Amino acid sequence: MGQAAQHYLIFETAGGFCGIAWNDVGITRFQLPTRSAEATER
């Protein structure tokens, strides 16, 4: 069985940078706000 393609988006909010990741099945991860986009991407 192959791996599903993963996608993610980092977006800025009033509280900091959030991240969301998903694949064909649905949402796989959500990152609560951090101070920088780089920290969110990690």
PDB file of N, CA and C in Angstrom:
ATOM      1  N   MET A   1       0.838  -1.176   0.000  1.00  0.00           N
ATOM      2  CA  MET A   1       0.000   0.000   0.000  1.00  0.00           C
ATOM      3  C   MET A   1       0.886   1.244   0.000  1.00  0.00           C
ATOM      4  N   GLY A   2       0.660   2.208  -0.925  1.00  0.00           N
ATOM      5  CA  GLY A   2       1.466   3.420  -1.018  1.00  0.00           C
ATOM      6  C   GLY A   2       1.045   4.466   0.004  1.00  0.00           C
ATOM      7  N   GLN A   3       1.912   5.406   0.206  1.00  0.00           N
ATOM      8  CA  GLN A   3       1.603   6.490   1.131  1.00  0.00           C
ATOM      9  C   GLN A   3       0.779   7.558   0.426  1.00  0.00           C
ATOM     10  N   ALA A   4      -0.170   8.131   1.147  1.00  0.00           N
ATOM     11  CA  ALA A   4      -0.981   9.220   0.609  1.00  0.00           C
ATOM     12  C   ALA A   4      -0.146  10.498   0.584  1.00  0.00           C
ATOM     13  N   ALA A   5      -0.361  11.320  -0.428  1.00  0.00           N
ATOM     14  CA  ALA A   5       0.346  12.604  -0.521  1.00  0.00           C
ATOM     15  C   ALA A   5      -0.075  13.499   0.641  1.00  0.00           C
ATOM     16  N   GLN A   6       0.897  14.125   1.274  1.00  0.00           N
ATOM     17  CA  GLN A   6       0.638  15.035   2.386  1.00  0.00           C
ATOM     18  C   GLN A   6       0.735  16.473   1.899  1.00  0.00           C
ATOM     19  N   HIS A   7      -0.145  17.301   2.383  1.00  0.00           N
ATOM     20  CA  HIS A   7      -0.142  18.724   2.058  1.00  0.00           C
ATOM     21  C   HIS A   7      -0.231  19.496   3.367  1.00  0.00           C
ATOM     22  N   TYR A   8       0.288  20.727   3.384  1.00  0.00           N
ATOM     23  CA  TYR A   8       0.136  21.543   4.585  1.00  0.00           C
ATOM     24  C   TYR A   8       0.077  23.014   4.217  1.00  0.00           C
ATOM     25  N   LEU A   9      -0.446  23.789   5.155  1.00  0.00           N
ATOM     26  CA  LEU A   9      -0.572  25.227   4.990  1.00  0.00           C
ATOM     27  C   LEU A   9      -0.266  25.883   6.322  1.00  0.00           C
ATOM     28  N   ILE A  10       0.562  26.907   6.287  1.00  0.00           N
ATOM     29  CA  ILE A  10       0.846  27.720   7.467  1.00  0.00           C
ATOM     30  C   ILE A  10       0.164  29.056   7.254  1.00  0.00           C
ATOM     31  N   PHE A  11      -0.565  29.513   8.263  1.00  0.00           N
ATOM     32  CA  PHE A  11      -1.285  30.772   8.130  1.00  0.00           C
ATOM     33  C   PHE A  11      -1.152  31.584   9.413  1.00  0.00           C
ATOM     34  N   GLU A  12      -1.194  32.896   9.252  1.00  0.00           N
ATOM     35  CA  GLU A  12      -1.016  33.810  10.378  1.00  0.00           C
ATOM     36  C   GLU A  12      -2.367  34.191  10.970  1.00  0.00           C
ATOM     37  N   THR A  13      -2.434  34.196  12.305  1.00  0.00           N
ATOM     38  CA  THR A  13      -3.616  34.637  13.032  1.00  0.00           C
ATOM     39  C   THR A  13      -3.184  35.711  14.024  1.00  0.00           C
ATOM     40  N   ALA A  14      -4.126  36.304  14.713  1.00  0.00           N
ATOM     41  CA  ALA A  14      -3.804  37.309  15.728  1.00  0.00           C
ATOM     42  C   ALA A  14      -2.947  36.710  16.846  1.00  0.00           C
ATOM     43  N   GLY A  15      -3.066  35.400  17.078  1.00  0.00           N
ATOM     44  CA  GLY A  15      -2.324  34.738  18.142  1.00  0.00           C
ATOM     45  C   GLY A  15      -0.995  34.146  17.717  1.00  0.00           C
ATOM     46  N   GLY A  16      -0.661  34.193  16.443  1.00  0.00           N
ATOM     47  CA  GLY A  16       0.589  33.623  15.944  1.00  0.00           C
ATOM     48  C   GLY A  16       0.350  32.833  14.673  1.00  0.00           C
ATOM     49  N   PHE A  17       1.317  31.990  14.330  1.00  0.00           N
ATOM     50  CA  PHE A  17       1.253  31.189  13.107  1.00  0.00           C
ATOM     51  C   PHE A  17       0.725  29.794  13.424  1.00  0.00           C
ATOM     52  N   CYS A  18      -0.296  29.374  12.699  1.00  0.00           N
ATOM     53  CA  CYS A  18      -0.879  28.042  12.844  1.00  0.00           C
ATOM     54  C   CYS A  18      -0.528  27.218  11.618  1.00  0.00           C
ATOM     55  N   GLY A  19      -0.636  25.927  11.761  1.00  0.00           N
ATOM     56  CA  GLY A  19      -0.411  25.045  10.628  1.00  0.00           C
ATOM     57  C   GLY A  19      -1.458  23.951  10.591  1.00  0.00           C
ATOM     58  N   ILE A  20      -1.798  23.526   9.387  1.00  0.00           N
ATOM     59  CA  ILE A  20      -2.730  22.414   9.212  1.00  0.00           C
ATOM     60  C   ILE A  20      -2.179  21.514   8.105  1.00  0.00           C
ATOM     61  N   ALA A  21      -2.265  20.217   8.324  1.00  0.00           N
ATOM     62  CA  ALA A  21      -1.794  19.237   7.338  1.00  0.00           C
ATOM     63  C   ALA A  21      -2.936  18.281   7.023  1.00  0.00           C
ATOM     64  N   TRP A  22      -2.969  17.820   5.763  1.00  0.00           N
ATOM     65  CA  TRP A  22      -4.033  16.917   5.344  1.00  0.00           C
ATOM     66  C   TRP A  22      -3.553  16.006   4.231  1.00  0.00           C
ATOM     67  N   ASN A  23      -4.321  14.953   4.008  1.00  0.00           N
ATOM     68  CA  ASN A  23      -4.106  14.065   2.867  1.00  0.00           C
ATOM     69  C   ASN A  23      -5.467  13.747   2.261  1.00  0.00           C
ATOM     70  N   ASP A  24      -5.540  12.771   1.374  1.00  0.00           N
ATOM     71  CA  ASP A  24      -6.801  12.435   0.711  1.00  0.00           C
ATOM     72  C   ASP A  24      -7.869  11.937   1.681  1.00  0.00           C
ATOM     73  N   VAL A  25      -7.457  11.429   2.820  1.00  0.00           N
ATOM     74  CA  VAL A  25      -8.398  10.890   3.796  1.00  0.00           C
ATOM     75  C   VAL A  25      -8.995  11.993   4.664  1.00  0.00           C
ATOM     76  N   GLY A  26      -8.196  13.013   5.005  1.00  0.00           N
ATOM     77  CA  GLY A  26      -8.677  14.106   5.847  1.00  0.00           C
ATOM     78  C   GLY A  26      -7.537  14.842   6.519  1.00  0.00           C
ATOM     79  N   ILE A  27      -7.873  15.592   7.561  1.00  0.00           N
ATOM     80  CA  ILE A  27      -6.876  16.360   8.318  1.00  0.00           C
ATOM     81  C   ILE A  27      -6.030  15.393   9.129  1.00  0.00           C
ATOM     82  N   THR A  28      -4.712  15.558   9.051  1.00  0.00           N
ATOM     83  CA  THR A  28      -3.802  14.659   9.755  1.00  0.00           C
ATOM     84  C   THR A  28      -3.087  15.330  10.920  1.00  0.00           C
ATOM     85  N   ARG A  29      -3.056  16.670  10.924  1.00  0.00           N
ATOM     86  CA  ARG A  29      -2.358  17.377  12.005  1.00  0.00           C
ATOM     87  C   ARG A  29      -2.789  18.837  12.028  1.00  0.00           C
ATOM     88  N   PHE A  30      -2.823  19.412  13.239  1.00  0.00           N
ATOM     89  CA  PHE A  30      -3.069  20.839  13.392  1.00  0.00           C
ATOM     90  C   PHE A  30      -2.089  21.371  14.423  1.00  0.00           C
ATOM     91  N   GLN A  31      -1.406  22.438  14.103  1.00  0.00           N
ATOM     92  CA  GLN A  31      -0.421  23.048  14.999  1.00  0.00           C
ATOM     93  C   GLN A  31      -1.020  24.316  15.586  1.00  0.00           C
ATOM     94  N   LEU A  32      -1.092  24.377  16.905  1.00  0.00           N
ATOM     95  CA  LEU A  32      -1.568  25.582  17.584  1.00  0.00           C
ATOM     96  C   LEU A  32      -0.595  26.729  17.337  1.00  0.00           C
ATOM     97  N   PRO A  33      -1.011  27.965  17.573  1.00  0.00           N
ATOM     98  CA  PRO A  33      -0.175  29.128  17.243  1.00  0.00           C
ATOM     99  C   PRO A  33       1.204  29.106  17.903  1.00  0.00           C
ATOM    100  N   THR A  34       2.202  29.492  17.108  1.00  0.00           N
ATOM    101  CA  THR A  34       3.564  29.695  17.588  1.00  0.00           C
ATOM    102  C   THR A  34       3.987  31.104  17.185  1.00  0.00           C
ATOM    103  N   ARG A  35       5.165  31.527  17.628  1.00  0.00           N
ATOM    104  CA  ARG A  35       5.615  32.896  17.351  1.00  0.00           C
ATOM    105  C   ARG A  35       6.141  33.112  15.940  1.00  0.00           C
ATOM    106  N   SER A  36       6.517  32.024  15.247  1.00  0.00           N
ATOM    107  CA  SER A  36       7.083  32.192  13.903  1.00  0.00           C
ATOM    108  C   SER A  36       6.597  31.084  12.972  1.00  0.00           C
ATOM    109  N   ALA A  37       6.607  31.380  11.683  1.00  0.00           N
ATOM    110  CA  ALA A  37       6.234  30.378  10.684  1.00  0.00           C
ATOM    111  C   ALA A  37       7.231  29.222  10.696  1.00  0.00           C
ATOM    112  N   GLU A  38       8.501  29.530  10.938  1.00  0.00           N
ATOM    113  CA  GLU A  38       9.535  28.488  10.973  1.00  0.00           C
ATOM    114  C   GLU A  38       9.271  27.502  12.105  1.00  0.00           C
ATOM    115  N   ALA A  39       8.884  28.002  13.265  1.00  0.00           N
ATOM    116  CA  ALA A  39       8.586  27.121  14.396  1.00  0.00           C
ATOM    117  C   ALA A  39       7.362  26.258  14.103  1.00  0.00           C
ATOM    118  N   THR A  40       6.381  26.826  13.430  1.00  0.00           N
ATOM    119  CA  THR A  40       5.182  26.065  13.074  1.00  0.00           C
ATOM    120  C   THR A  40       5.521  24.956  12.098  1.00  0.00           C
ATOM    121  N   GLU A  41       6.394  25.232  11.149  1.00  0.00           N
ATOM    122  CA  GLU A  41       6.753  24.236  10.135  1.00  0.00           C
ATOM    123  C   GLU A  41       7.501  23.053  10.732  1.00  0.00           C
ATOM    124  N   ARG A  42       8.214  23.262  11.817  1.00  0.00           N
ATOM    125  CA  ARG A  42       8.934  22.154  12.459  1.00  0.00           C
ATOM    126  C   ARG A  42       7.930  21.229  13.044  1.00  0.00           C
TER     127      ARG A  42
END
